[in-house]
């Protein structure tokens, strides 16, 4: 989501949003001198909450249910809404926008108010663009918001990036929705384990353990997806993993009724998600691509040290990987 902040030193309101590769900042408005710090922070808080609700709607694929005109009107003319006790069935977004509008109505300066309202409209436009699959501009922050499905167009875009360079996660992390990116990476990861296994004479199952031994890394995400319940297709595996982390971030956990988790005393058990609930999408996509990179390390063990230059070896591995993926797609 877009986070807003007030810089008292420059009397400026800023917006900041993630891109999958760092964050971008944007100057929203100059804060009027006679606007109190308390009211300014109220504006900042209301804008941040509104953005949070909008991107939650994106994550839950309910953007098309947003009445953009009502939200904008509530922020512009909050006095036209019924009294709070009479707002039965009022949309939550409208309530948040009205709260922002009430704070703005007490703010001096037409220019400041119009700048904040323009910010509301810009955020609405960004969420709508992301919902259509346009992840440019401010809508780029969609790459950190997992959705329950993987649009075919986004999956195809991810495969294009992977075919160009399956060892570089940056285009996936910054240009594709995380669910679709992860679904696309999975067959490349499986193919990478087979390519490494064929080169070294080990089994595909052993490749991950060898990679962990060579790199001294815990490839928990890779181990989990490769050991997923047989019969589950890739979109389902990705959906379950992301859903688990998203629910954990919202204070919910799905726990099996058996003795699941590590005992911690007093009859309680520690249950951990595979992904970091704070960044489940980037964590999954980055973890899967890291698995491919580690397969390269294993593959290199099966190549004579004086074969070709390191760059040439990398390209040879990528070529073998493309052939292996092409055979299963």
Protein backbone atom coordinates (compact mmCIF):
# COMPACT_ATOMS: atom_id res chain seq x y z
CA UNK A 1 0.00 0.00 0.00
CA UNK A 2 0.98 3.65 -0.18
CA UNK A 3 2.23 5.02 3.12
CA UNK A 4 1.98 8.73 3.80
CA UNK A 5 4.19 10.85 6.01
CA UNK A 6 4.62 14.45 7.11
CA UNK A 7 8.05 16.07 7.11
CA UNK A 8 7.77 18.96 9.59
CA UNK A 9 11.16 20.34 8.59
CA UNK A 10 9.97 21.11 5.06
CA UNK A 11 6.23 21.29 5.83
CA UNK A 12 5.63 18.67 3.15
CA UNK A 13 3.34 15.67 2.80
CA UNK A 14 4.94 12.66 1.11
CA UNK A 15 3.65 9.37 -0.31
CA UNK A 16 5.80 6.24 -0.53
CA UNK A 17 4.98 2.89 -2.12
CA UNK A 18 6.85 -0.40 -2.75
CA UNK A 19 7.90 -1.56 -6.20
CA UNK A 20 9.31 -5.01 -5.49
CA UNK A 21 12.81 -3.52 -5.70
CA UNK A 22 12.89 -0.71 -3.17
CA UNK A 23 10.33 2.04 -2.72
CA UNK A 24 9.39 5.23 -4.55
CA UNK A 25 8.48 8.53 -2.91
CA UNK A 26 6.23 11.27 -4.21
CA UNK A 27 5.65 14.80 -2.95
CA UNK A 28 1.92 15.20 -2.34
CA UNK A 29 1.55 18.76 -1.09
CA UNK A 30 2.96 21.61 0.90
CA UNK A 31 1.32 21.69 4.34
CA UNK A 32 -0.22 25.09 5.23
CA UNK A 33 1.63 26.85 8.01
CA UNK A 34 -1.50 27.25 10.10
CA UNK A 35 -2.47 23.57 9.89
CA UNK A 36 -1.68 22.02 13.25
CA UNK A 37 0.68 19.02 13.45
CA UNK A 38 -2.14 16.98 14.98
CA UNK A 39 -4.51 17.60 12.06
CA UNK A 40 -1.69 16.97 9.61
CA UNK A 41 -1.04 13.57 11.15
CA UNK A 42 -4.76 12.84 10.96
CA UNK A 43 -4.64 13.52 7.22
CA UNK A 44 -1.61 11.25 6.89
CA UNK A 45 -3.28 8.47 8.87
CA UNK A 46 -6.55 8.70 6.92
CA UNK A 47 -4.76 8.57 3.55
CA UNK A 48 -2.74 5.54 4.65
CA UNK A 49 -5.83 3.69 5.90
CA UNK A 50 -7.66 4.46 2.65
CA UNK A 51 -4.76 3.08 0.61
CA UNK A 52 -4.64 -0.02 2.82
CA UNK A 53 -8.34 -0.69 2.17
CA UNK A 54 -7.95 -0.16 -1.56
CA UNK A 55 -5.06 -2.60 -1.90
CA UNK A 56 -6.87 -5.09 0.30
CA UNK A 57 -9.68 -4.96 -2.26
CA UNK A 58 -7.09 -5.60 -4.96
CA UNK A 59 -5.71 -8.62 -3.07
CA UNK A 60 -9.23 -10.01 -2.64
CA UNK A 61 -10.18 -9.31 -6.29
CA UNK A 62 -13.05 -7.00 -5.32
CA UNK A 63 -11.79 -3.83 -7.03
CA UNK A 64 -14.70 -3.83 -9.47
CA UNK A 65 -17.08 -3.49 -6.53
CA UNK A 66 -15.50 -0.15 -5.54
CA UNK A 67 -17.70 2.84 -6.31
CA UNK A 68 -14.95 5.30 -7.15
CA UNK A 69 -17.39 8.17 -7.53
CA UNK A 70 -18.86 7.62 -4.06
CA UNK A 71 -15.43 7.35 -2.46
CA UNK A 72 -14.26 10.58 -4.08
CA UNK A 73 -17.52 12.34 -3.21
CA UNK A 74 -17.24 11.25 0.43
CA UNK A 75 -13.74 12.71 0.67
CA UNK A 76 -14.79 15.91 -1.11
CA UNK A 77 -18.16 16.52 0.58
CA UNK A 78 -18.31 14.50 3.81
CA UNK A 79 -21.15 16.72 5.06
CA UNK A 80 -23.51 15.21 2.47
CA UNK A 81 -23.34 11.77 4.12
CA UNK A 82 -25.84 10.75 6.80
CA UNK A 83 -24.83 10.98 10.43
CA UNK A 84 -22.55 8.09 11.52
CA UNK A 85 -25.33 6.37 13.47
CA UNK A 86 -27.55 6.43 10.35
CA UNK A 87 -24.96 5.07 7.89
CA UNK A 88 -26.36 1.56 7.80
CA UNK A 89 -24.75 -0.51 5.08
CA UNK A 90 -22.31 2.22 4.10
CA UNK A 91 -19.24 0.95 2.28
CA UNK A 92 -16.12 0.77 4.46
CA UNK A 93 -14.12 2.69 1.86
CA UNK A 94 -16.73 5.44 1.87
CA UNK A 95 -16.47 5.65 5.65
CA UNK A 96 -12.69 6.01 5.50
CA UNK A 97 -12.94 8.60 2.72
CA UNK A 98 -15.52 10.53 4.72
CA UNK A 99 -13.22 10.53 7.75
CA UNK A 100 -10.48 11.98 5.56
CA UNK A 101 -12.88 14.56 4.18
CA UNK A 102 -13.91 15.67 7.66
CA UNK A 103 -10.27 16.30 8.57
CA UNK A 104 -9.69 18.13 5.29
CA UNK A 105 -12.70 20.37 5.88
CA UNK A 106 -10.88 21.77 8.90
CA UNK A 107 -7.67 22.35 6.95
CA UNK A 108 -6.96 25.84 5.64
CA UNK A 109 -5.93 26.35 2.06
CA UNK A 110 -7.80 25.21 -1.06
CA UNK A 111 -4.57 24.14 -2.78
CA UNK A 112 -3.71 21.69 0.01
CA UNK A 113 -7.20 20.18 0.03
CA UNK A 114 -7.23 19.75 -3.73
CA UNK A 115 -3.78 18.13 -3.67
CA UNK A 116 -4.93 15.58 -1.09
CA UNK A 117 -8.11 14.84 -3.06
CA UNK A 118 -6.01 14.40 -6.20
CA UNK A 119 -3.98 11.86 -4.24
CA UNK A 120 -7.16 9.93 -3.42
CA UNK A 121 -8.10 9.85 -7.10
CA UNK A 122 -4.58 8.77 -8.09
CA UNK A 123 -4.70 5.84 -5.68
CA UNK A 124 -8.11 4.78 -6.99
CA UNK A 125 -6.78 4.90 -10.56
CA UNK A 126 -3.68 2.89 -9.60
CA UNK A 127 -5.70 0.09 -7.99
CA UNK A 128 -8.03 -0.07 -10.99
CA UNK A 129 -5.06 -0.23 -13.37
CA UNK A 130 -3.45 -3.03 -11.36
CA UNK A 131 -6.73 -4.93 -11.42
CA UNK A 132 -6.61 -4.79 -15.24
CA UNK A 133 -3.04 -6.13 -15.22
CA UNK A 134 -1.34 -2.80 -15.89
CA UNK A 135 1.49 -2.71 -13.34
CA UNK A 136 3.10 0.55 -14.43
CA UNK A 137 3.51 3.71 -12.41
CA UNK A 138 1.97 3.67 -8.96
CA UNK A 139 0.17 0.42 -9.83
CA UNK A 140 3.57 -1.33 -9.70
CA UNK A 141 3.04 -1.90 -5.99
CA UNK A 142 0.67 -4.70 -6.97
CA UNK A 143 3.76 -6.93 -7.15
CA UNK A 144 3.82 -7.17 -3.35
CA UNK A 145 0.11 -8.00 -3.01
CA UNK A 146 -0.67 -11.70 -3.60
CA UNK A 147 -4.01 -12.50 -5.21
CA UNK A 148 -5.84 -15.83 -5.06
CA UNK A 149 -5.46 -16.53 -8.78
CA UNK A 150 -2.78 -16.40 -11.46
CA UNK A 151 -4.00 -14.55 -14.59
CA UNK A 152 -2.80 -16.33 -17.76
CA UNK A 153 -1.44 -13.09 -19.21
CA UNK A 154 0.71 -12.52 -16.14
CA UNK A 155 1.94 -16.13 -16.18
CA UNK A 156 2.90 -15.74 -19.84
CA UNK A 157 4.77 -12.52 -19.05
CA UNK A 158 6.65 -14.30 -16.27
CA UNK A 159 7.67 -17.12 -18.64
CA UNK A 160 9.00 -14.52 -21.07
CA UNK A 161 11.19 -13.04 -18.32
CA UNK A 162 12.35 -16.50 -17.27
CA UNK A 163 13.22 -17.52 -20.81
CA UNK A 164 15.34 -14.38 -21.14
CA UNK A 165 17.21 -15.12 -17.90
CA UNK A 166 15.91 -17.72 -15.41
CA UNK A 167 18.60 -16.73 -12.90
CA UNK A 168 17.54 -13.09 -12.53
CA UNK A 169 14.57 -12.57 -10.18
CA UNK A 170 14.31 -8.79 -10.61
CA UNK A 171 11.97 -8.67 -13.63
CA UNK A 172 9.63 -11.10 -11.85
CA UNK A 173 9.73 -9.19 -8.57
CA UNK A 174 9.05 -5.83 -10.21
CA UNK A 175 6.85 -6.62 -13.20
CA UNK A 176 4.58 -9.59 -12.44
CA UNK A 177 1.95 -10.35 -9.83
CA UNK A 178 3.50 -12.71 -7.24
CA UNK A 179 0.98 -15.54 -7.66
CA UNK A 180 1.48 -15.66 -11.43
CA UNK A 181 5.25 -15.28 -11.12
CA UNK A 182 5.49 -18.20 -8.69
CA UNK A 183 3.30 -20.43 -10.87
CA UNK A 184 5.59 -19.68 -13.81
CA UNK A 185 8.82 -20.30 -11.86
CA UNK A 186 7.82 -23.73 -10.51
CA UNK A 187 8.33 -25.72 -13.75
CA UNK A 188 11.66 -23.94 -14.26
CA UNK A 189 12.73 -24.94 -10.76
CA UNK A 190 11.77 -28.58 -11.29
CA UNK A 191 13.59 -28.59 -14.61
CA UNK A 192 16.65 -27.05 -12.94
CA UNK A 193 16.79 -29.88 -10.39
CA UNK A 194 16.66 -32.44 -13.21
CA UNK A 195 19.34 -30.65 -15.25
CA UNK A 196 21.62 -30.53 -12.20
CA UNK A 197 20.88 -34.16 -11.39
CA UNK A 198 21.73 -35.34 -14.91
CA UNK A 199 25.00 -33.41 -14.88
CA UNK A 200 26.18 -34.67 -11.47
CA UNK A 201 24.77 -38.19 -11.47
CA UNK A 202 22.59 -37.59 -8.42
CA UNK A 203 18.82 -37.84 -8.15
CA UNK A 204 16.64 -34.76 -8.46
CA UNK A 205 15.59 -35.21 -4.83
CA UNK A 206 19.23 -35.03 -3.74
CA UNK A 207 19.95 -31.82 -5.63
CA UNK A 208 18.30 -29.54 -3.06
CA UNK A 209 20.21 -31.14 -0.19
CA UNK A 210 23.45 -30.79 -2.16
CA UNK A 211 22.63 -27.17 -2.92
CA UNK A 212 22.08 -26.44 0.77
CA UNK A 213 25.40 -28.10 1.62
CA UNK A 214 27.29 -26.15 -1.05
CA UNK A 215 25.73 -22.73 -0.41
CA UNK A 216 25.17 -23.14 3.35
CA UNK A 217 21.62 -21.89 2.88
CA UNK A 218 18.28 -23.13 4.17
CA UNK A 219 16.17 -23.55 1.03
CA UNK A 220 12.95 -24.09 2.97
CA UNK A 221 10.69 -22.62 0.27
CA UNK A 222 12.25 -24.85 -2.40
CA UNK A 223 12.01 -27.98 -0.25
CA UNK A 224 8.38 -27.28 0.56
CA UNK A 225 7.13 -26.72 -2.99
CA UNK A 226 9.03 -29.70 -4.39
CA UNK A 227 7.65 -31.94 -1.64
CA UNK A 228 4.08 -30.66 -2.06
CA UNK A 229 1.30 -33.22 -1.89
CA UNK A 230 1.26 -35.31 -5.08
CA UNK A 231 -1.73 -34.54 -7.23
CA UNK A 232 -1.74 -30.80 -6.54
CA UNK A 233 -1.10 -28.66 -9.60
CA UNK A 234 1.25 -25.69 -9.47
CA UNK A 235 -1.46 -22.99 -9.11
CA UNK A 236 -2.91 -24.86 -6.12
CA UNK A 237 0.48 -25.28 -4.43
CA UNK A 238 1.19 -21.56 -4.85
CA UNK A 239 -2.29 -20.58 -3.70
CA UNK A 240 -2.03 -22.61 -0.49
CA UNK A 241 1.41 -21.24 0.35
CA UNK A 242 0.42 -17.62 -0.20
CA UNK A 243 -2.93 -18.05 1.54
CA UNK A 244 -1.22 -19.46 4.62
CA UNK A 245 1.09 -16.45 4.91
CA UNK A 246 -1.61 -13.87 4.12
CA UNK A 247 -3.92 -15.31 6.77
CA UNK A 248 -1.08 -15.36 9.29
CA UNK A 249 -0.46 -11.66 8.59
CA UNK A 250 -4.12 -11.03 9.43
CA UNK A 251 -3.88 -12.92 12.71
CA UNK A 252 -5.34 -16.19 11.45
CA UNK A 253 -3.76 -19.61 11.24
CA UNK A 254 -4.81 -22.84 9.57
CA UNK A 255 -3.54 -25.64 11.82
CA UNK A 256 -4.07 -29.37 11.35
CA UNK A 257 -5.84 -31.09 14.23
CA UNK A 258 -3.00 -33.59 14.67
CA UNK A 259 0.28 -32.97 16.52
CA UNK A 260 1.39 -30.24 14.14
CA UNK A 261 4.26 -27.96 15.05
CA UNK A 262 7.23 -28.10 17.37
CA UNK A 263 6.46 -28.67 21.09
CA UNK A 264 7.34 -25.64 23.23
CA UNK A 265 6.00 -26.82 26.59
CA UNK A 266 2.69 -26.60 28.47
CA UNK A 267 1.06 -28.64 25.72
CA UNK A 268 1.57 -25.86 23.18
CA UNK A 269 3.23 -26.16 19.79
CA UNK A 270 5.10 -23.64 17.66
CA UNK A 271 3.62 -23.34 14.18
CA UNK A 272 5.56 -21.44 11.52
CA UNK A 273 4.60 -20.38 8.02
CA UNK A 274 6.94 -21.28 5.18
CA UNK A 275 6.81 -17.69 3.93
CA UNK A 276 7.35 -14.47 5.83
CA UNK A 277 3.81 -13.08 6.37
CA UNK A 278 5.17 -9.56 5.97
CA UNK A 279 6.27 -10.20 2.36
CA UNK A 280 4.81 -13.51 1.18
CA UNK A 281 4.77 -12.73 -2.54
CA UNK A 282 8.36 -11.52 -2.97
CA UNK A 283 9.51 -14.16 -0.49
CA UNK A 284 8.01 -16.98 -2.54
CA UNK A 285 9.14 -15.74 -5.95
CA UNK A 286 12.62 -14.82 -4.73
CA UNK A 287 12.94 -18.14 -2.90
CA UNK A 288 12.03 -20.17 -5.99
CA UNK A 289 14.46 -18.30 -8.23
CA UNK A 290 17.12 -18.72 -5.56
CA UNK A 291 16.48 -22.45 -5.86
CA UNK A 292 17.31 -22.28 -9.58
CA UNK A 293 20.49 -20.35 -8.80
CA UNK A 294 21.53 -23.00 -6.30
CA UNK A 295 20.85 -25.73 -8.86
CA UNK A 296 23.45 -24.00 -11.02
CA UNK A 297 25.94 -24.35 -8.16
CA UNK A 298 25.26 -28.09 -8.02
CA UNK A 299 25.46 -28.36 -11.81
CA UNK A 300 28.89 -26.70 -11.77
CA UNK A 301 30.19 -29.54 -9.58
CA UNK A 302 29.68 -31.88 -12.52
CA UNK A 303 31.67 -29.76 -14.97
CA UNK A 304 35.48 -29.96 -15.26
CA UNK A 305 36.99 -26.80 -13.72
CA UNK A 306 38.90 -25.95 -16.91
CA UNK A 307 35.99 -26.53 -19.29
CA UNK A 308 35.10 -22.95 -20.26
CA UNK A 309 34.87 -19.53 -18.65
CA UNK A 310 32.40 -19.03 -15.77
CA UNK A 311 30.21 -16.91 -18.03
CA UNK A 312 30.20 -19.64 -20.65
CA UNK A 313 29.20 -22.22 -18.04
CA UNK A 314 26.32 -20.04 -16.90
CA UNK A 315 25.05 -19.75 -20.48
CA UNK A 316 25.42 -23.50 -21.01
CA UNK A 317 23.35 -24.21 -17.90
CA UNK A 318 20.68 -21.74 -19.01
CA UNK A 319 20.54 -23.33 -22.48
CA UNK A 320 20.10 -26.80 -20.98
CA UNK A 321 17.43 -25.42 -18.67
CA UNK A 322 15.51 -23.82 -21.54
CA UNK A 323 15.55 -27.14 -23.42
CA UNK A 324 14.34 -29.02 -20.33
CA UNK A 325 11.50 -26.56 -19.75
CA UNK A 326 10.53 -26.62 -23.41
CA UNK A 327 10.16 -30.39 -23.21
CA UNK A 328 7.57 -30.20 -20.42
CA UNK A 329 5.58 -27.13 -21.44
